[in-house]
Amino acid sequence: MENKHRRAADIVMIAVFVIIIFGFALALIIKSDRDFSEMENRNLAQKPELSWSSIKSGDFSDGLESYISDQLFAKDALVTLKTDFDRLLGKSYQNGVYLIKDSDGRLRYVQKYTEDREQIRENAECLNDLADKLSIPVDMILVPNVSAYTLDKLPAGADCNDQKKSVEYVGSILSDKIGFYPMTETLAASYEQNYYLTDHHWTSWGAALAAEDYLRRSGQLAADGAVNKEPSETVKDFYGTLYSKAPSAFADPDVLEIGSSCGVAEIEWVAEGKSGDNLIERSFLEKKDKYAAFLGGNFAQVRIRTGREGEKVLILKDSYANAAVQYLTEQYSEITMIDLRYYRMQERSVSELCEDYGVDRVIMLYNMDFINEDRNFVWLS
């Protein structure tokens, strides 16, 4: 009798397994293929071309593997299920991120940080070389990531380096010609408000605090002056890039805030031949990647004419600057933003741009993880 029950259980298990395998295979054949994944923010693999040459070269088998992986039925739901099942088993580190709890119990995503002092030094030396070429003020706003404030909340044995020490190291090797404005203390008091739960960026509130602190400490804003931090608009249901690495059904969405100074006289996306009069690209507010609404993402060179009095500045930046620039438009008459990941000195070097545009000040605005990893600072030479 016991053998019969065991055999029946085995049959049921095999039947369920076969149904799942053939069910997913059938779904892959029947359903329409997706071109783009909002969750992963990338184009998906399509059916590979079947030919003798592609089979012989191995391209077909490689393409088929990518196609099945990308077009798997209910893939996003399955990945979410895996994340939560792993968390149930006590795995708080998944796909490069730690999942911890905030003081209010909400799930927070923290990206792993591994310090690379050699790369940091190389990048800092490139910034120092630029400062040596310029006869105008050069400032650096360095923003730690949220891991700087959550090391004590990570699981025991977590392999995540201390960004506060990295920020101090940057300050120790920067040229005296660069005014150094680390935001470690500025963002510490209310870090849960200053960084998104599900994204690696800072919030608009954090960006506003940093902009105000920089302008005050650098003497560009009176001691009793203030940046307008109140949002003109809030956008709900924002799930960021870290969420995409380990989506969870228990993650709360973020709220993206838009400042009140996003309307300007003119914005020019130079390489794209595009112009506008608002810092917000509203089409992204309807998509998953809502942070890209700031300027529409990252571009080689963006010139902003604010229609106000003030200095002309050039900002060397990563994507953190996209949220911060909305709080700087009231301070400057013109802001040129250069992203070295895309700017390859097609026409002029950065120092030549400063001269040609009549720039009065250069601001380097970067997050610590970017200084630690990016390899495009050589384009400043």
Protein backbone atom coordinates (compact mmCIF):
# COMPACT_ATOMS: atom_id res chain seq x y z
CA MET A 1 0.00 0.00 0.00
CA GLU A 2 2.85 2.35 0.90
CA ASN A 3 4.54 1.65 -2.44
CA LYS A 4 1.31 2.44 -4.28
CA HIS A 5 1.00 5.83 -2.51
CA ARG A 6 4.64 6.60 -3.24
CA ARG A 7 4.22 5.64 -6.90
CA ALA A 8 1.08 7.80 -7.15
CA ALA A 9 2.92 10.77 -5.63
CA ASP A 10 5.78 10.30 -8.11
CA ILE A 11 3.32 10.19 -11.01
CA VAL A 12 1.62 13.40 -9.84
CA MET A 13 4.99 15.13 -9.48
CA ILE A 14 6.10 14.04 -12.95
CA ALA A 15 2.75 15.11 -14.42
CA VAL A 16 3.02 18.57 -12.82
CA PHE A 17 6.59 18.91 -14.08
CA VAL A 18 5.58 17.91 -17.64
CA ILE A 19 2.60 20.28 -17.59
CA ILE A 20 4.79 23.16 -16.47
CA ILE A 21 7.48 22.46 -19.09
CA PHE A 22 5.09 22.01 -21.99
CA GLY A 23 2.82 24.80 -20.74
CA PHE A 24 5.63 27.34 -20.77
CA ALA A 25 6.83 26.06 -24.14
CA LEU A 26 3.32 26.41 -25.57
CA ALA A 27 2.96 29.88 -24.08
CA LEU A 28 6.27 30.89 -25.68
CA ILE A 29 4.94 29.82 -29.08
CA ILE A 30 1.46 31.36 -28.74
CA LYS A 31 2.14 34.69 -27.06
CA SER A 32 3.39 37.76 -28.90
CA ASP A 33 7.06 38.57 -28.44
CA ARG A 34 7.98 41.69 -26.50
CA ASP A 35 10.39 44.19 -28.03
CA PHE A 36 11.29 46.00 -24.81
CA SER A 37 11.34 45.21 -21.10
CA GLU A 38 10.23 48.04 -18.83
CA MET A 39 11.50 46.06 -15.85
CA GLU A 40 15.02 45.67 -17.25
CA ASN A 41 14.97 48.88 -19.30
CA ARG A 42 16.45 47.18 -22.36
CA ASN A 43 15.55 45.73 -25.74
CA LEU A 44 14.76 42.01 -25.70
CA ALA A 45 16.17 39.30 -27.93
CA GLN A 46 13.99 38.30 -30.90
CA LYS A 47 13.71 34.98 -32.75
CA PRO A 48 17.07 34.15 -34.35
CA GLU A 49 17.28 33.55 -38.07
CA LEU A 50 17.41 29.86 -38.90
CA SER A 51 19.97 29.06 -41.58
CA TRP A 52 22.69 26.52 -42.19
CA SER A 53 25.41 29.13 -41.68
CA SER A 54 23.93 30.31 -38.37
CA ILE A 55 23.64 26.71 -37.13
CA LYS A 56 27.20 25.93 -38.21
CA SER A 57 28.65 29.04 -36.56
CA GLY A 58 26.69 28.55 -33.33
CA ASP A 59 24.91 31.90 -33.71
CA PHE A 60 21.52 30.22 -33.90
CA SER A 61 21.93 28.25 -30.66
CA ASP A 62 23.25 31.34 -28.85
CA GLY A 63 20.42 33.46 -30.23
CA LEU A 64 17.82 30.84 -29.33
CA GLU A 65 19.07 30.69 -25.76
CA SER A 66 18.85 34.49 -25.42
CA TYR A 67 15.42 34.50 -27.08
CA ILE A 68 13.97 31.87 -24.73
CA SER A 69 15.44 33.63 -21.70
CA ASP A 70 14.10 37.06 -22.71
CA GLN A 71 10.69 35.94 -23.96
CA LEU A 72 9.91 33.46 -21.17
CA PHE A 73 6.23 33.55 -20.27
CA ALA A 74 5.54 35.57 -17.08
CA LYS A 75 9.26 36.19 -16.65
CA ASP A 76 8.85 39.28 -14.46
CA ALA A 77 6.45 37.48 -12.14
CA LEU A 78 8.78 34.47 -11.91
CA VAL A 79 11.78 36.67 -11.05
CA THR A 80 9.71 38.41 -8.36
CA LEU A 81 8.68 35.04 -6.96
CA LYS A 82 12.30 33.91 -6.85
CA THR A 83 13.37 37.08 -5.01
CA ASP A 84 10.76 36.65 -2.30
CA PHE A 85 11.39 32.92 -1.99
CA ASP A 86 15.11 33.60 -1.51
CA ARG A 87 14.29 36.23 1.11
CA LEU A 88 12.12 33.68 2.88
CA LEU A 89 15.20 31.45 3.03
CA GLY A 90 17.16 34.30 4.62
CA LYS A 91 19.04 35.52 1.53
CA SER A 92 19.15 39.33 1.83
CA TYR A 93 21.83 39.79 -0.90
CA GLN A 94 20.68 39.21 -4.45
CA ASN A 95 22.10 40.24 -7.82
CA GLY A 96 24.37 42.97 -6.45
CA VAL A 97 21.93 44.51 -3.96
CA TYR A 98 21.15 44.07 -0.28
CA LEU A 99 17.51 44.15 0.82
CA ILE A 100 17.13 45.72 4.27
CA LYS A 101 14.36 47.37 6.28
CA ASP A 102 14.06 51.11 6.94
CA SER A 103 13.10 52.48 10.34
CA ASP A 104 9.45 52.48 9.23
CA GLY A 105 9.63 48.85 8.10
CA ARG A 106 9.73 49.54 4.37
CA LEU A 107 12.02 47.50 2.14
CA ARG A 108 15.14 49.36 1.00
CA TYR A 109 17.56 48.35 -1.76
CA VAL A 110 21.26 49.02 -1.11
CA GLN A 111 23.80 48.55 -3.88
CA LYS A 112 27.01 46.75 -2.99
CA TYR A 113 30.08 49.00 -2.99
CA THR A 114 33.61 47.68 -3.55
CA GLU A 115 36.26 50.38 -3.29
CA ASP A 116 38.84 50.63 -6.10
CA ARG A 117 41.44 53.12 -4.86
CA GLU A 118 43.53 52.84 -8.00
CA GLN A 119 40.58 53.91 -10.18
CA ILE A 120 39.62 56.64 -7.72
CA ARG A 121 43.14 58.06 -7.83
CA GLU A 122 43.27 57.87 -11.63
CA ASN A 123 39.97 59.75 -11.94
CA ALA A 124 40.97 62.35 -9.34
CA GLU A 125 44.23 63.01 -11.17
CA CYS A 126 42.29 63.67 -14.38
CA LEU A 127 40.13 66.20 -12.51
CA ASN A 128 43.26 67.78 -11.02
CA ASP A 129 44.80 68.11 -14.49
CA LEU A 130 41.71 69.95 -15.73
CA ALA A 131 41.77 72.33 -12.76
CA ASP A 132 45.42 73.14 -13.50
CA LYS A 133 44.45 74.24 -17.03
CA LEU A 134 41.72 76.62 -15.87
CA SER A 135 41.97 80.10 -14.38
CA ILE A 136 38.39 80.08 -13.05
CA PRO A 137 36.96 78.57 -9.83
CA VAL A 138 36.59 74.80 -9.90
CA ASP A 139 34.42 73.04 -7.31
CA MET A 140 33.60 69.42 -6.64
CA ILE A 141 30.32 68.23 -5.10
CA LEU A 142 30.81 64.59 -4.09
CA VAL A 143 27.72 62.63 -3.09
CA PRO A 144 27.95 59.37 -1.13
CA ASN A 145 25.46 56.66 -1.99
CA VAL A 146 22.99 55.32 0.54
CA SER A 147 25.34 52.46 1.51
CA ALA A 148 27.40 55.05 3.39
CA TYR A 149 24.59 55.28 5.95
CA THR A 150 23.38 51.69 6.08
CA LEU A 151 26.49 49.59 6.77
CA ASP A 152 25.20 48.79 10.26
CA LYS A 153 21.91 47.57 8.79
CA LEU A 154 23.47 45.08 6.35
CA PRO A 155 23.56 41.39 7.28
CA ALA A 156 26.53 40.09 9.25
CA GLY A 157 29.50 39.46 7.00
CA ALA A 158 28.21 41.71 4.20
CA ASP A 159 30.98 42.50 1.72
CA CYS A 160 30.39 46.24 1.32
CA ASN A 161 33.10 48.87 1.80
CA ASP A 162 32.68 52.14 3.69
CA GLN A 163 31.98 55.01 1.28
CA LYS A 164 32.68 57.61 3.95
CA LYS A 165 36.32 56.53 3.89
CA SER A 166 36.32 56.71 0.08
CA VAL A 167 34.96 60.27 0.19
CA GLU A 168 37.71 61.24 2.65
CA TYR A 169 40.29 59.65 0.35
CA VAL A 170 39.09 61.70 -2.61
CA GLY A 171 39.41 64.86 -0.53
CA SER A 172 42.99 63.94 0.40
CA ILE A 173 44.17 63.63 -3.22
CA LEU A 174 42.28 66.48 -4.90
CA SER A 175 44.25 69.54 -5.99
CA ASP A 176 44.11 72.66 -3.82
CA LYS A 177 42.68 74.38 -6.89
CA ILE A 178 39.46 72.40 -6.47
CA GLY A 179 37.00 73.48 -3.80
CA PHE A 180 35.87 70.23 -2.20
CA TYR A 181 32.26 69.92 -1.01
CA PRO A 182 31.50 66.41 0.24
CA MET A 183 27.83 65.87 1.09
CA THR A 184 28.40 63.11 3.65
CA GLU A 185 27.18 65.08 6.67
CA THR A 186 24.60 67.09 4.73
CA LEU A 187 22.65 64.01 3.69
CA ALA A 188 23.18 61.94 6.84
CA ALA A 189 20.48 63.30 9.16
CA SER A 190 17.54 62.21 7.04
CA TYR A 191 19.14 59.79 4.60
CA GLU A 192 15.93 57.74 4.32
CA GLN A 193 14.27 60.80 2.78
CA ASN A 194 17.30 61.73 0.70
CA TYR A 195 17.60 58.46 -1.25
CA TYR A 196 15.04 56.40 -3.11
CA LEU A 197 14.03 53.03 -1.67
CA THR A 198 14.22 51.18 -5.00
CA ASP A 199 16.68 53.25 -7.03
CA HIS A 200 20.40 54.10 -6.76
CA HIS A 201 19.83 57.85 -7.14
CA TRP A 202 19.14 60.50 -4.54
CA THR A 203 15.67 61.99 -4.28
CA SER A 204 14.84 65.52 -5.36
CA TRP A 205 14.79 66.46 -1.66
CA GLY A 206 18.33 65.16 -1.19
CA ALA A 207 19.48 66.97 -4.34
CA ALA A 208 17.92 70.22 -3.09
CA LEU A 209 19.66 69.92 0.30
CA ALA A 210 23.01 69.37 -1.42
CA ALA A 211 22.52 72.26 -3.87
CA GLU A 212 21.66 74.61 -1.03
CA ASP A 213 24.57 73.45 1.13
CA TYR A 214 27.03 73.84 -1.74
CA LEU A 215 25.84 77.34 -2.63
CA ARG A 216 26.08 78.45 0.98
CA ARG A 217 29.47 76.95 1.75
CA SER A 218 30.95 78.29 -1.48
CA GLY A 219 29.70 81.80 -0.69
CA GLN A 220 27.33 82.00 -3.65
CA LEU A 221 24.24 82.05 -1.44
CA ALA A 222 23.74 84.25 1.60
CA ALA A 223 23.87 82.52 5.00
CA ASP A 224 20.14 83.09 5.39
CA GLY A 225 19.36 82.26 1.76
CA ALA A 226 17.56 79.10 0.76
CA VAL A 227 16.76 76.90 -2.20
CA ASN A 228 13.07 76.32 -2.86
CA LYS A 229 12.69 72.64 -1.95
CA GLU A 230 8.94 72.39 -2.17
CA PRO A 231 7.82 70.27 -5.14
CA SER A 232 5.44 71.57 -7.74
CA GLU A 233 4.40 68.03 -8.63
CA THR A 234 4.69 64.51 -7.23
CA VAL A 235 4.64 61.35 -9.31
CA LYS A 236 3.77 58.04 -7.66
CA ASP A 237 4.54 54.40 -8.43
CA PHE A 238 8.24 54.78 -9.24
CA TYR A 239 10.21 51.53 -9.12
CA GLY A 240 13.90 52.14 -9.81
CA THR A 241 16.88 50.32 -11.27
CA LEU A 242 17.80 48.44 -8.08
CA TYR A 243 14.29 47.05 -7.84
CA SER A 244 14.77 45.60 -11.33
CA LYS A 245 17.76 43.62 -10.05
CA ALA A 246 15.66 41.87 -7.41
CA PRO A 247 11.95 42.71 -7.76
CA SER A 248 9.86 41.94 -4.70
CA ALA A 249 6.11 41.89 -4.18
CA PHE A 250 6.77 43.48 -0.77
CA ALA A 251 8.62 46.55 -2.09
CA ASP A 252 6.87 49.91 -1.73
CA PRO A 253 7.06 52.24 -4.74
CA ASP A 254 8.92 55.52 -4.52
CA VAL A 255 7.48 58.98 -5.12
CA LEU A 256 9.36 61.22 -7.56
CA GLU A 257 9.18 64.95 -6.89
CA ILE A 258 9.54 67.72 -9.47
CA GLY A 259 10.82 71.11 -8.33
CA SER A 260 9.23 74.45 -9.06
CA SER A 261 12.08 75.87 -11.21
CA CYS A 262 12.05 73.43 -14.12
CA GLY A 263 10.79 75.97 -16.65
CA VAL A 264 13.69 77.86 -18.27
CA ALA A 265 14.25 80.15 -21.24
CA GLU A 266 15.88 77.49 -23.44
CA ILE A 267 17.43 74.04 -23.25
CA GLU A 268 19.60 72.75 -26.07
CA TRP A 269 20.57 69.09 -26.43
CA VAL A 270 23.56 69.91 -28.61
CA ALA A 271 24.42 66.63 -30.38
CA GLU A 272 20.76 65.73 -30.85
CA GLY A 273 19.84 69.09 -32.42
CA LYS A 274 16.90 69.30 -30.04
CA SER A 275 15.63 72.23 -27.97
CA GLY A 276 12.95 72.90 -25.35
CA ASP A 277 12.05 75.07 -22.39
CA ASN A 278 11.52 72.60 -19.53
CA LEU A 279 13.89 70.31 -17.62
CA ILE A 280 11.25 67.57 -17.46
CA GLU A 281 10.65 65.14 -20.31
CA ARG A 282 7.10 64.22 -19.35
CA SER A 283 6.82 61.07 -21.48
CA PHE A 284 9.06 59.26 -18.97
CA LEU A 285 6.61 59.94 -16.14
CA GLU A 286 4.34 57.31 -17.70
CA LYS A 287 7.14 54.71 -17.85
CA LYS A 288 8.93 52.64 -15.25
CA ASP A 289 12.19 54.60 -15.63
CA LYS A 290 10.69 57.78 -14.19
CA TYR A 291 14.04 59.23 -13.08
CA ALA A 292 14.87 59.68 -16.78
CA ALA A 293 12.21 62.42 -16.83
CA PHE A 294 14.95 64.75 -15.59
CA LEU A 295 16.35 66.10 -18.87
CA GLY A 296 15.19 62.93 -20.65
CA GLY A 297 18.24 61.00 -19.43
CA ASN A 298 21.98 61.46 -19.98
CA PHE A 299 23.49 63.24 -22.96
CA ALA A 300 26.93 64.35 -24.09
CA GLN A 301 26.20 68.08 -23.82
CA VAL A 302 23.15 69.99 -22.64
CA ARG A 303 23.07 73.80 -22.53
CA ILE A 304 20.51 75.53 -20.32
CA ARG A 305 19.80 79.25 -20.58
CA THR A 306 17.77 80.19 -17.55
CA GLY A 307 16.75 83.74 -18.47
CA ARG A 308 18.12 84.95 -15.11
CA GLU A 309 21.14 86.94 -13.99
CA GLY A 310 24.21 85.15 -12.69
CA GLU A 311 27.37 83.29 -13.62
CA LYS A 312 27.80 80.94 -16.53
CA VAL A 313 28.80 77.53 -15.20
CA LEU A 314 29.87 74.22 -16.69
CA ILE A 315 28.87 71.08 -14.77
CA LEU A 316 30.82 67.87 -15.27
CA LYS A 317 28.28 65.28 -14.24
CA ASP A 318 26.78 61.87 -13.85
CA SER A 319 23.06 61.16 -13.57
CA TYR A 320 22.87 62.57 -10.02
CA ALA A 321 23.21 66.05 -11.53
CA ASN A 322 20.04 65.56 -13.58
CA ALA A 323 17.90 65.89 -10.45
CA ALA A 324 20.09 68.62 -8.92
CA VAL A 325 20.10 71.07 -11.82
CA GLN A 326 16.47 72.06 -11.16
CA TYR A 327 17.71 73.70 -7.93
CA LEU A 328 20.56 75.57 -9.60
CA THR A 329 18.68 77.35 -12.40
CA GLU A 330 17.76 80.28 -10.16
CA GLN A 331 21.43 80.85 -9.32
CA TYR A 332 23.01 80.93 -12.79
CA SER A 333 22.31 82.53 -16.13
CA GLU A 334 23.64 79.61 -18.17
CA ILE A 335 24.45 76.00 -17.30
CA THR A 336 26.34 73.68 -19.62
CA MET A 337 26.24 70.02 -18.60
CA ILE A 338 28.90 67.62 -19.88
CA ASP A 339 28.71 63.84 -19.40
CA LEU A 340 32.08 62.29 -20.22
CA ARG A 341 30.50 58.91 -20.89
CA TYR A 342 29.18 60.39 -24.14
CA TYR A 343 31.30 63.48 -24.72
CA ARG A 344 34.38 62.51 -26.65
CA MET A 345 35.79 65.97 -27.41
CA GLN A 346 34.09 65.74 -30.80
CA GLU A 347 34.80 69.42 -31.37
CA ARG A 348 36.56 70.91 -28.36
CA SER A 349 38.10 69.83 -25.09
CA VAL A 350 36.34 70.76 -21.85
CA SER A 351 38.86 73.52 -21.16
CA GLU A 352 38.30 74.91 -24.68
CA LEU A 353 34.54 74.82 -24.12
CA CYS A 354 34.99 76.86 -20.96
CA GLU A 355 36.86 79.53 -22.90
CA ASP A 356 34.52 79.55 -25.90
CA TYR A 357 31.36 79.72 -23.73
CA GLY A 358 32.76 82.34 -21.37
CA VAL A 359 32.30 80.01 -18.39
CA ASP A 360 32.84 81.62 -14.98
CA ARG A 361 32.93 78.46 -12.87
CA VAL A 362 33.26 74.68 -13.25
CA ILE A 363 31.30 72.36 -10.95
CA MET A 364 32.10 68.66 -10.78
CA LEU A 365 28.99 66.85 -9.48
CA TYR A 366 29.44 63.12 -9.04
CA ASN A 367 28.29 60.28 -6.81
CA MET A 368 30.95 58.22 -5.05
CA ASP A 369 30.19 55.00 -6.87
CA PHE A 370 30.73 56.78 -10.20
CA ILE A 371 34.15 58.14 -9.17
CA ASN A 372 35.00 54.63 -8.01
CA GLU A 373 34.10 52.85 -11.25
CA ASP A 374 33.87 55.11 -14.28
CA ARG A 375 36.74 55.04 -16.80
CA ASN A 376 35.82 58.02 -18.95
CA PHE A 377 37.63 60.76 -17.04
CA VAL A 378 40.59 60.29 -19.37
CA TRP A 379 38.59 62.31 -21.90
CA LEU A 380 39.42 65.42 -19.84
CA SER A 381 43.08 65.18 -20.92
